[in-house]
C-alpha atoms as a PDB file:
ATOM      1  CA  MET A   1       0.000   0.000   0.000  1.00  0.00           C
ATOM      2  CA  ARG A   2       1.260   3.467  -0.829  1.00  0.00           C
ATOM      3  CA  SER A   3       2.447   5.608   2.063  1.00  0.00           C
ATOM      4  CA  LEU A   4       0.583   8.855   2.824  1.00  0.00           C
ATOM      5  CA  PRO A   5       3.407  11.097   1.495  1.00  0.00           C
ATOM      6  CA  THR A   6       3.506   9.117  -1.772  1.00  0.00           C
ATOM      7  CA  ARG A   7      -0.246   9.523  -2.247  1.00  0.00           C
ATOM      8  CA  ARG A   8       0.070  13.241  -1.575  1.00  0.00           C
ATOM      9  CA  ILE A   9       2.800  13.594  -4.172  1.00  0.00           C
ATOM     10  CA  ALA A  10       0.724  11.658  -6.757  1.00  0.00           C
ATOM     11  CA  ALA A  11      -2.273  13.905  -6.059  1.00  0.00           C
ATOM     12  CA  ALA A  12      -0.131  17.029  -6.434  1.00  0.00           C
ATOM     13  CA  LEU A  13       1.190  15.785  -9.782  1.00  0.00           C
ATOM     14  CA  ALA A  14      -2.338  15.077 -11.044  1.00  0.00           C
ATOM     15  CA  VAL A  15      -3.553  18.549 -10.065  1.00  0.00           C
ATOM     16  CA  ALA A  16      -0.507  20.154 -11.671  1.00  0.00           C
ATOM     17  CA  ALA A  17      -0.993  18.264 -14.938  1.00  0.00           C
ATOM     18  CA  THR A  18      -4.657  19.259 -15.062  1.00  0.00           C
ATOM     19  CA  SER A  19      -3.749  22.901 -14.399  1.00  0.00           C
ATOM     20  CA  VAL A  20      -1.289  22.937 -17.289  1.00  0.00           C
ATOM     21  CA  VAL A  21      -3.900  21.522 -19.689  1.00  0.00           C
ATOM     22  CA  VAL A  22      -6.573  23.992 -18.551  1.00  0.00           C
ATOM     23  CA  LEU A  23      -4.269  26.986 -18.789  1.00  0.00           C
ATOM     24  CA  ALA A  24      -2.598  26.011 -22.062  1.00  0.00           C
ATOM     25  CA  GLY A  25      -5.687  24.799 -23.956  1.00  0.00           C
ATOM     26  CA  PRO A  26      -7.507  28.088 -24.709  1.00  0.00           C
ATOM     27  CA  ALA A  27      -4.478  29.514 -26.513  1.00  0.00           C
ATOM     28  CA  PHE A  28      -4.965  26.991 -29.326  1.00  0.00           C
ATOM     29  CA  ALA A  29      -8.704  26.234 -29.316  1.00  0.00           C
ATOM     30  CA  HIS A  30     -10.345  29.212 -31.005  1.00  0.00           C
ATOM     31  CA  VAL A  31     -10.893  30.098 -34.647  1.00  0.00           C
ATOM     32  CA  THR A  32      -8.498  32.994 -35.218  1.00  0.00           C
ATOM     33  CA  VAL A  33      -7.275  35.375 -37.927  1.00  0.00           C
ATOM     34  CA  ASN A  34      -3.523  35.369 -38.559  1.00  0.00           C
ATOM     35  CA  PRO A  35      -1.571  37.566 -38.515  1.00  0.00           C
ATOM     36  CA  GLY A  36      -3.671  39.343 -35.922  1.00  0.00           C
ATOM     37  CA  SER A  37      -2.909  42.889 -37.082  1.00  0.00           C
ATOM     38  CA  ALA A  38      -2.566  44.952 -40.260  1.00  0.00           C
ATOM     39  CA  ALA A  39      -2.147  48.603 -41.242  1.00  0.00           C
ATOM     40  CA  GLN A  40      -5.143  50.866 -41.622  1.00  0.00           C
ATOM     41  CA  GLY A  41      -5.977  51.838 -45.197  1.00  0.00           C
ATOM     42  CA  GLY A  42      -3.896  49.095 -46.784  1.00  0.00           C
ATOM     43  CA  TYR A  43      -4.306  45.680 -48.360  1.00  0.00           C
ATOM     44  CA  THR A  44      -3.304  42.480 -46.592  1.00  0.00           C
ATOM     45  CA  ALA A  45      -3.545  38.699 -46.746  1.00  0.00           C
ATOM     46  CA  VAL A  46      -4.781  36.787 -43.700  1.00  0.00           C
ATOM     47  CA  ASP A  47      -5.440  33.173 -42.754  1.00  0.00           C
ATOM     48  CA  PHE A  48      -8.528  32.070 -40.872  1.00  0.00           C
ATOM     49  CA  ARG A  49      -7.101  29.277 -38.722  1.00  0.00           C
ATOM     50  CA  VAL A  50      -9.634  26.585 -37.818  1.00  0.00           C
ATOM     51  CA  PRO A  51      -8.735  23.904 -35.245  1.00  0.00           C
ATOM     52  CA  ASN A  52     -10.940  20.827 -34.961  1.00  0.00           C
ATOM     53  CA  GLU A  53     -12.069  20.674 -31.323  1.00  0.00           C
ATOM     54  CA  SER A  54     -14.149  17.499 -31.457  1.00  0.00           C
ATOM     55  CA  ASP A  55     -12.772  14.070 -30.565  1.00  0.00           C
ATOM     56  CA  SER A  56     -15.322  12.237 -32.707  1.00  0.00           C
ATOM     57  CA  ALA A  57     -16.449  14.586 -35.524  1.00  0.00           C
ATOM     58  CA  SER A  58     -14.709  16.415 -38.375  1.00  0.00           C
ATOM     59  CA  THR A  59     -15.091  19.992 -39.613  1.00  0.00           C
ATOM     60  CA  VAL A  60     -16.605  20.165 -43.099  1.00  0.00           C
ATOM     61  CA  LYS A  61     -17.652  23.809 -43.468  1.00  0.00           C
ATOM     62  CA  LEU A  62     -16.519  27.289 -42.410  1.00  0.00           C
ATOM     63  CA  GLU A  63     -18.567  30.458 -42.834  1.00  0.00           C
ATOM     64  CA  VAL A  64     -16.909  33.832 -42.266  1.00  0.00           C
ATOM     65  CA  ASN A  65     -19.038  36.979 -42.131  1.00  0.00           C
ATOM     66  CA  LEU A  66     -17.369  40.234 -43.149  1.00  0.00           C
ATOM     67  CA  PRO A  67     -18.478  43.423 -41.353  1.00  0.00           C
ATOM     68  CA  LEU A  68     -20.517  45.751 -43.567  1.00  0.00           C
ATOM     69  CA  ASP A  69     -20.112  48.726 -41.228  1.00  0.00           C
ATOM     70  CA  HIS A  70     -16.595  48.887 -42.704  1.00  0.00           C
ATOM     71  CA  PRO A  71     -17.075  47.236 -46.132  1.00  0.00           C
ATOM     72  CA  LEU A  72     -14.120  45.870 -48.069  1.00  0.00           C
ATOM     73  CA  ALA A  73     -14.114  46.528 -51.799  1.00  0.00           C
ATOM     74  CA  SER A  74     -11.571  43.834 -52.666  1.00  0.00           C
ATOM     75  CA  VAL A  75     -11.894  40.317 -51.214  1.00  0.00           C
ATOM     76  CA  ARG A  76     -10.260  37.316 -52.884  1.00  0.00           C
ATOM     77  CA  THR A  77      -9.892  33.720 -51.737  1.00  0.00           C
ATOM     78  CA  LEU A  78      -6.848  31.540 -52.317  1.00  0.00           C
ATOM     79  CA  PRO A  79      -7.835  28.255 -54.024  1.00  0.00           C
ATOM     80  CA  MET A  80      -7.567  25.243 -51.711  1.00  0.00           C
ATOM     81  CA  PRO A  81      -7.586  21.651 -52.977  1.00  0.00           C
ATOM     82  CA  GLY A  82     -10.578  19.785 -51.568  1.00  0.00           C
ATOM     83  CA  TRP A  83     -12.549  22.898 -50.611  1.00  0.00           C
ATOM     84  CA  THR A  84     -15.043  25.021 -52.562  1.00  0.00           C
ATOM     85  CA  ALA A  85     -15.227  28.717 -51.670  1.00  0.00           C
ATOM     86  CA  THR A  86     -18.452  30.651 -52.231  1.00  0.00           C
ATOM     87  CA  VAL A  87     -18.488  34.453 -51.963  1.00  0.00           C
ATOM     88  CA  GLU A  88     -21.693  36.360 -51.207  1.00  0.00           C
ATOM     89  CA  LYS A  89     -22.114  40.105 -51.748  1.00  0.00           C
ATOM     90  CA  ALA A  90     -24.532  42.652 -50.298  1.00  0.00           C
ATOM     91  CA  LYS A  91     -25.654  46.022 -51.594  1.00  0.00           C
ATOM     92  CA  LEU A  92     -24.368  48.896 -49.474  1.00  0.00           C
ATOM     93  CA  ASP A  93     -26.730  51.462 -47.985  1.00  0.00           C
ATOM     94  CA  LYS A  94     -24.131  54.104 -48.780  1.00  0.00           C
ATOM     95  CA  PRO A  95     -21.556  53.702 -51.584  1.00  0.00           C
ATOM     96  CA  ILE A  96     -17.892  53.928 -50.652  1.00  0.00           C
ATOM     97  CA  LYS A  97     -15.094  55.560 -52.639  1.00  0.00           C
ATOM     98  CA  VAL A  98     -12.185  53.359 -53.692  1.00  0.00           C
ATOM     99  CA  HIS A  99      -9.462  54.938 -55.849  1.00  0.00           C
ATOM    100  CA  GLY A 100     -11.929  57.626 -56.872  1.00  0.00           C
ATOM    101  CA  ALA A 101     -14.697  55.254 -57.968  1.00  0.00           C
ATOM    102  CA  ASP A 102     -18.017  54.494 -56.259  1.00  0.00           C
ATOM    103  CA  VAL A 103     -18.427  50.945 -54.914  1.00  0.00           C
ATOM    104  CA  ASN A 104     -22.061  49.975 -54.306  1.00  0.00           C
ATOM    105  CA  GLU A 105     -21.642  46.410 -53.014  1.00  0.00           C
ATOM    106  CA  ALA A 106     -19.179  44.460 -50.915  1.00  0.00           C
ATOM    107  CA  VAL A 107     -18.518  40.877 -49.877  1.00  0.00           C
ATOM    108  CA  SER A 108     -20.655  39.992 -46.860  1.00  0.00           C
ATOM    109  CA  LYS A 109     -19.778  36.298 -46.395  1.00  0.00           C
ATOM    110  CA  ILE A 110     -17.343  33.641 -47.517  1.00  0.00           C
ATOM    111  CA  THR A 111     -18.240  29.954 -47.164  1.00  0.00           C
ATOM    112  CA  TRP A 112     -15.738  27.133 -47.550  1.00  0.00           C
ATOM    113  CA  THR A 113     -17.341  23.709 -48.030  1.00  0.00           C
ATOM    114  CA  ALA A 114     -15.350  20.476 -48.002  1.00  0.00           C
ATOM    115  CA  ASP A 115     -15.526  18.314 -51.103  1.00  0.00           C
ATOM    116  CA  ALA A 116     -16.276  14.605 -50.745  1.00  0.00           C
ATOM    117  CA  GLY A 117     -13.469  12.905 -48.850  1.00  0.00           C
ATOM    118  CA  THR A 118     -12.084  16.177 -47.452  1.00  0.00           C
ATOM    119  CA  LYS A 119     -12.373  17.233 -43.812  1.00  0.00           C
ATOM    120  CA  ILE A 120     -10.533  18.671 -40.831  1.00  0.00           C
ATOM    121  CA  ALA A 121     -10.232  15.571 -38.674  1.00  0.00           C
ATOM    122  CA  PRO A 122      -9.856  15.422 -34.869  1.00  0.00           C
ATOM    123  CA  GLY A 123      -6.432  16.662 -33.840  1.00  0.00           C
ATOM    124  CA  GLN A 124      -5.990  18.667 -37.061  1.00  0.00           C
ATOM    125  CA  PHE A 125      -6.422  22.279 -38.176  1.00  0.00           C
ATOM    126  CA  GLN A 126      -6.737  24.102 -41.486  1.00  0.00           C
ATOM    127  CA  GLU A 127      -6.004  27.637 -42.691  1.00  0.00           C
ATOM    128  CA  PHE A 128      -8.166  29.492 -45.202  1.00  0.00           C
ATOM    129  CA  ARG A 129      -6.342  32.406 -46.876  1.00  0.00           C
ATOM    130  CA  VAL A 130      -8.003  35.608 -48.056  1.00  0.00           C
ATOM    131  CA  SER A 131      -6.693  38.924 -49.386  1.00  0.00           C
ATOM    132  CA  LEU A 132      -8.561  41.984 -48.113  1.00  0.00           C
ATOM    133  CA  GLY A 133      -8.595  45.702 -48.751  1.00  0.00           C
ATOM    134  CA  PRO A 134      -8.554  48.523 -48.557  1.00  0.00           C
ATOM    135  CA  LEU A 135      -8.835  48.221 -44.775  1.00  0.00           C
ATOM    136  CA  PRO A 136     -10.696  51.019 -42.976  1.00  0.00           C
ATOM    137  CA  SER A 137      -8.711  54.012 -41.763  1.00  0.00           C
ATOM    138  CA  ASP A 138     -11.240  54.992 -39.083  1.00  0.00           C
ATOM    139  CA  ALA A 139     -11.335  51.769 -37.032  1.00  0.00           C
ATOM    140  CA  ASP A 140      -8.894  50.035 -34.699  1.00  0.00           C
ATOM    141  CA  SER A 141     -10.204  46.500 -35.294  1.00  0.00           C
ATOM    142  CA  MET A 142     -12.492  44.337 -37.412  1.00  0.00           C
ATOM    143  CA  ALA A 143     -14.418  41.311 -36.099  1.00  0.00           C
ATOM    144  CA  PHE A 144     -15.187  38.437 -38.482  1.00  0.00           C
ATOM    145  CA  LYS A 145     -17.985  36.314 -37.039  1.00  0.00           C
ATOM    146  CA  ALA A 146     -17.536  32.677 -38.031  1.00  0.00           C
ATOM    147  CA  LEU A 147     -19.562  29.456 -37.981  1.00  0.00           C
ATOM    148  CA  GLN A 148     -17.812  26.073 -37.869  1.00  0.00           C
ATOM    149  CA  THR A 149     -19.882  23.067 -38.982  1.00  0.00           C
ATOM    150  CA  TYR A 150     -19.059  19.439 -38.133  1.00  0.00           C
ATOM    151  CA  ASP A 151     -20.069  16.327 -40.068  1.00  0.00           C
ATOM    152  CA  ASN A 152     -22.332  15.232 -37.196  1.00  0.00           C
ATOM    153  CA  GLY A 153     -24.429  18.391 -37.622  1.00  0.00           C
ATOM    154  CA  ASP A 154     -22.970  20.383 -34.738  1.00  0.00           C
ATOM    155  CA  VAL A 155     -22.351  24.091 -35.411  1.00  0.00           C
ATOM    156  CA  VAL A 156     -20.012  26.187 -33.274  1.00  0.00           C
ATOM    157  CA  ARG A 157     -20.748  29.917 -33.519  1.00  0.00           C
ATOM    158  CA  TRP A 158     -17.591  31.993 -33.098  1.00  0.00           C
ATOM    159  CA  ILE A 159     -19.500  35.273 -32.897  1.00  0.00           C
ATOM    160  CA  ASP A 160     -18.989  36.769 -29.424  1.00  0.00           C
ATOM    161  CA  GLU A 161     -17.093  40.058 -29.305  1.00  0.00           C
ATOM    162  CA  SER A 162     -14.726  40.693 -26.411  1.00  0.00           C
ATOM    163  CA  GLN A 163     -15.422  43.681 -24.172  1.00  0.00           C
ATOM    164  CA  ALA A 164     -12.723  45.752 -22.490  1.00  0.00           C
ATOM    165  CA  GLY A 165     -12.239  44.764 -18.870  1.00  0.00           C
ATOM    166  CA  GLN A 166     -14.319  41.592 -19.273  1.00  0.00           C
ATOM    167  CA  PRO A 167     -13.165  37.949 -19.431  1.00  0.00           C
ATOM    168  CA  GLU A 168     -12.792  36.492 -22.899  1.00  0.00           C
ATOM    169  CA  PRO A 169     -16.103  34.986 -24.077  1.00  0.00           C
ATOM    170  CA  ALA A 170     -16.415  31.251 -24.614  1.00  0.00           C
ATOM    171  CA  HIS A 171     -16.669  31.587 -28.411  1.00  0.00           C
ATOM    172  CA  PRO A 172     -14.886  34.802 -29.439  1.00  0.00           C
ATOM    173  CA  ALA A 173     -15.111  36.052 -33.004  1.00  0.00           C
ATOM    174  CA  PRO A 174     -11.803  36.247 -34.905  1.00  0.00           C
ATOM    175  CA  VAL A 175     -10.496  39.833 -34.679  1.00  0.00           C
ATOM    176  CA  LEU A 176      -8.052  41.700 -36.917  1.00  0.00           C
ATOM    177  CA  LYS A 177      -6.463  44.649 -35.117  1.00  0.00           C
ATOM    178  CA  LEU A 178      -5.774  47.712 -37.247  1.00  0.00           C
ATOM    179  CA  THR A 179      -2.731  49.883 -36.624  1.00  0.00           C
ATOM    180  CA  LYS A 180      -1.549  53.213 -37.982  1.00  0.00           C
ATOM    181  CA  ALA A 181       0.254  52.744 -41.286  1.00  0.00           C
ATOM    182  CA  ALA A 182       4.018  53.325 -41.114  1.00  0.00           C
ATOM    183  CA  SER A 183       3.939  54.759 -44.638  1.00  0.00           C
ATOM    184  CA  ASP A 184       1.241  55.697 -47.112  1.00  0.00           C
ATOM    185  CA  ASP A 185       1.801  54.986 -50.805  1.00  0.00           C
ATOM    186  CA  GLY A 186      -1.892  54.584 -51.624  1.00  0.00           C
ATOM    187  CA  HIS A 187      -1.942  50.857 -51.065  1.00  0.00           C
ATOM    188  CA  GLY A 188      -0.744  50.551 -47.475  1.00  0.00           C
ATOM    189  CA  ALA A 189       2.786  49.344 -48.146  1.00  0.00           C
ATOM    190  CA  SER A 190       3.283  48.093 -44.611  1.00  0.00           C
ATOM    191  CA  ALA A 191       0.373  45.655 -44.890  1.00  0.00           C
ATOM    192  CA  THR A 192       0.261  44.671 -48.552  1.00  0.00           C
ATOM    193  CA  ALA A 193      -0.750  41.198 -49.748  1.00  0.00           C
ATOM    194  CA  SER A 194       1.523  39.338 -52.099  1.00  0.00           C
ATOM    195  CA  PRO A 195       0.412  39.005 -55.749  1.00  0.00           C
ATOM    196  CA  ALA A 196       0.159  35.233 -55.303  1.00  0.00           C
ATOM    197  CA  ALA A 197      -2.547  35.796 -52.699  1.00  0.00           C
ATOM    198  CA  GLY A 198      -4.513  38.102 -54.986  1.00  0.00           C
ATOM    199  CA  GLY A 199      -3.335  41.305 -53.328  1.00  0.00           C
ATOM    200  CA  HIS A 200      -2.347  44.714 -54.593  1.00  0.00           C
ATOM    201  CA  GLY A 201       1.224  45.339 -54.543  1.00  0.00           C
ATOM    202  CA  HIS A 202       4.498  45.101 -52.849  1.00  0.00           C
ATOM    203  CA  GLY A 203       4.688  41.445 -51.980  1.00  0.00           C
ATOM    204  CA  ASP A 204       7.465  39.649 -50.208  1.00  0.00           C
ATOM    205  CA  SER A 205       8.455  42.176 -47.551  1.00  0.00           C
ATOM    206  CA  ALA A 206       4.880  42.417 -46.274  1.00  0.00           C
ATOM    207  CA  ASP A 207       4.386  38.646 -46.227  1.00  0.00           C
ATOM    208  CA  GLN A 208       7.661  38.243 -44.335  1.00  0.00           C
ATOM    209  CA  ALA A 209       6.579  40.851 -41.807  1.00  0.00           C
ATOM    210  CA  GLN A 210       3.243  39.065 -41.365  1.00  0.00           C
ATOM    211  CA  ALA A 211       4.955  35.699 -40.949  1.00  0.00           C
ATOM    212  CA  SER A 212       7.301  37.215 -38.382  1.00  0.00           C
ATOM    213  CA  ASP A 213       4.341  38.624 -36.473  1.00  0.00           C
ATOM    214  CA  GLY A 214       2.609  35.228 -36.523  1.00  0.00           C
ATOM    215  CA  ASP A 215       5.786  33.491 -35.340  1.00  0.00           C
ATOM    216  CA  LYS A 216       6.123  36.038 -32.524  1.00  0.00           C
ATOM    217  CA  LYS A 217       2.554  35.379 -31.372  1.00  0.00           C
ATOM    218  CA  SER A 218       3.179  31.627 -31.458  1.00  0.00           C
ATOM    219  CA  SER A 219       6.401  32.079 -29.475  1.00  0.00           C
ATOM    220  CA  ASP A 220       4.611  34.241 -26.918  1.00  0.00           C
ATOM    221  CA  SER A 221       1.942  31.553 -26.417  1.00  0.00           C
ATOM    222  CA  THR A 222       4.607  28.879 -26.029  1.00  0.00           C
ATOM    223  CA  ALA A 223       6.511  31.031 -23.531  1.00  0.00           C
ATOM    224  CA  ARG A 224       3.362  31.538 -21.455  1.00  0.00           C
ATOM    225  CA  VAL A 225       2.670  27.794 -21.394  1.00  0.00           C
ATOM    226  CA  LEU A 226       6.258  27.006 -20.428  1.00  0.00           C
ATOM    227  CA  GLY A 227       6.069  29.656 -17.730  1.00  0.00           C
ATOM    228  CA  VAL A 228       2.983  27.984 -16.267  1.00  0.00           C
ATOM    229  CA  VAL A 229       4.704  24.608 -16.402  1.00  0.00           C
ATOM    230  CA  GLY A 230       7.714  26.063 -14.576  1.00  0.00           C
ATOM    231  CA  ILE A 231       5.538  27.514 -11.834  1.00  0.00           C
ATOM    232  CA  VAL A 232       3.672  24.220 -11.378  1.00  0.00           C
ATOM    233  CA  VAL A 233       6.928  22.242 -11.249  1.00  0.00           C
ATOM    234  CA  GLY A 234       8.263  24.690  -8.667  1.00  0.00           C
ATOM    235  CA  VAL A 235       5.186  24.215  -6.506  1.00  0.00           C
ATOM    236  CA  ILE A 236       5.514  20.439  -6.741  1.00  0.00           C
ATOM    237  CA  GLY A 237       9.204  20.651  -5.801  1.00  0.00           C
ATOM    238  CA  THR A 238       8.381  22.723  -2.758  1.00  0.00           C
ATOM    239  CA  ALA A 239       5.649  20.284  -1.713  1.00  0.00           C
ATOM    240  CA  VAL A 240       7.999  17.311  -2.086  1.00  0.00           C
ATOM    241  CA  GLY A 241      10.641  19.116  -0.052  1.00  0.00           C
ATOM    242  CA  VAL A 242       8.223  19.877   2.766  1.00  0.00           C
ATOM    243  CA  ILE A 243       7.015  16.259   2.857  1.00  0.00           C
ATOM    244  CA  GLY A 244      10.604  15.050   2.942  1.00  0.00           C
ATOM    245  CA  LEU A 245      11.500  17.352   5.818  1.00  0.00           C
ATOM    246  CA  ARG A 246       8.457  16.182   7.764  1.00  0.00           C
ATOM    247  CA  ARG A 247       9.422  12.527   7.239  1.00  0.00           C
ATOM    248  CA  LYS A 248      13.002  13.231   8.254  1.00  0.00           C
ATOM    249  CA  SER A 249      11.848  15.107  11.345  1.00  0.00           C
ATOM    250  CA  GLY A 250       9.499  12.268  12.288  1.00  0.00           C
ATOM    251  CA  THR A 251      12.296   9.707  11.868  1.00  0.00           C
ATOM    252  CA  ALA A 252      14.700  11.750  13.940  1.00  0.00           C
ATOM    253  CA  SER A 253      12.217  12.054  16.809  1.00  0.00           C
END
């Protein structure tokens, strides 16, 4: 039979492991837009990253709604083998000016549907790339409400918008933060999509900057998880030390 100190150590390890999973999980569970920021007034290419959260069902459809309070005149999808993209447009209540011309409609929704035999299986994720622009110059963020459909009929609605000072909602909408442009050449050079992604302009330097930003975010998440693990291990070490001292003291007496 296990001694009392041994059982206490085993219990501490179980609690620590559970804490790491709970704290690390949310960083990877949500549908997100990557990179998470772009320059106001420019063009950019982003990926909607979709993790499959189910252990028994696969993702077969993604719907992304584009905000019409800040309509985007140019929206293009990157072809993906095994998926069919459908773009829906809506007439604008008030036309917008783009390069001196009136634009009366804008893309309101993009739907990616898996072809037969294609899916995002449990334990997998997929990225859906889109070029967007020109981004609004009078907003600091854009929320893209998304619906994720599984092959068992379940639909997860990633539509909740975070509020300042409030905990993150259970199903937050993907958000693209908009920053002041470092330079203005008419196409937002600091946030320009590459021609291969259907963008407008300057290409490689912008894509490299976006990739660097995405890598930085991934590194930050990893660092936070490792920090939590370090704290938990430290707590366990302290607990083991205390138990050992108590046993030693009891033996000595």
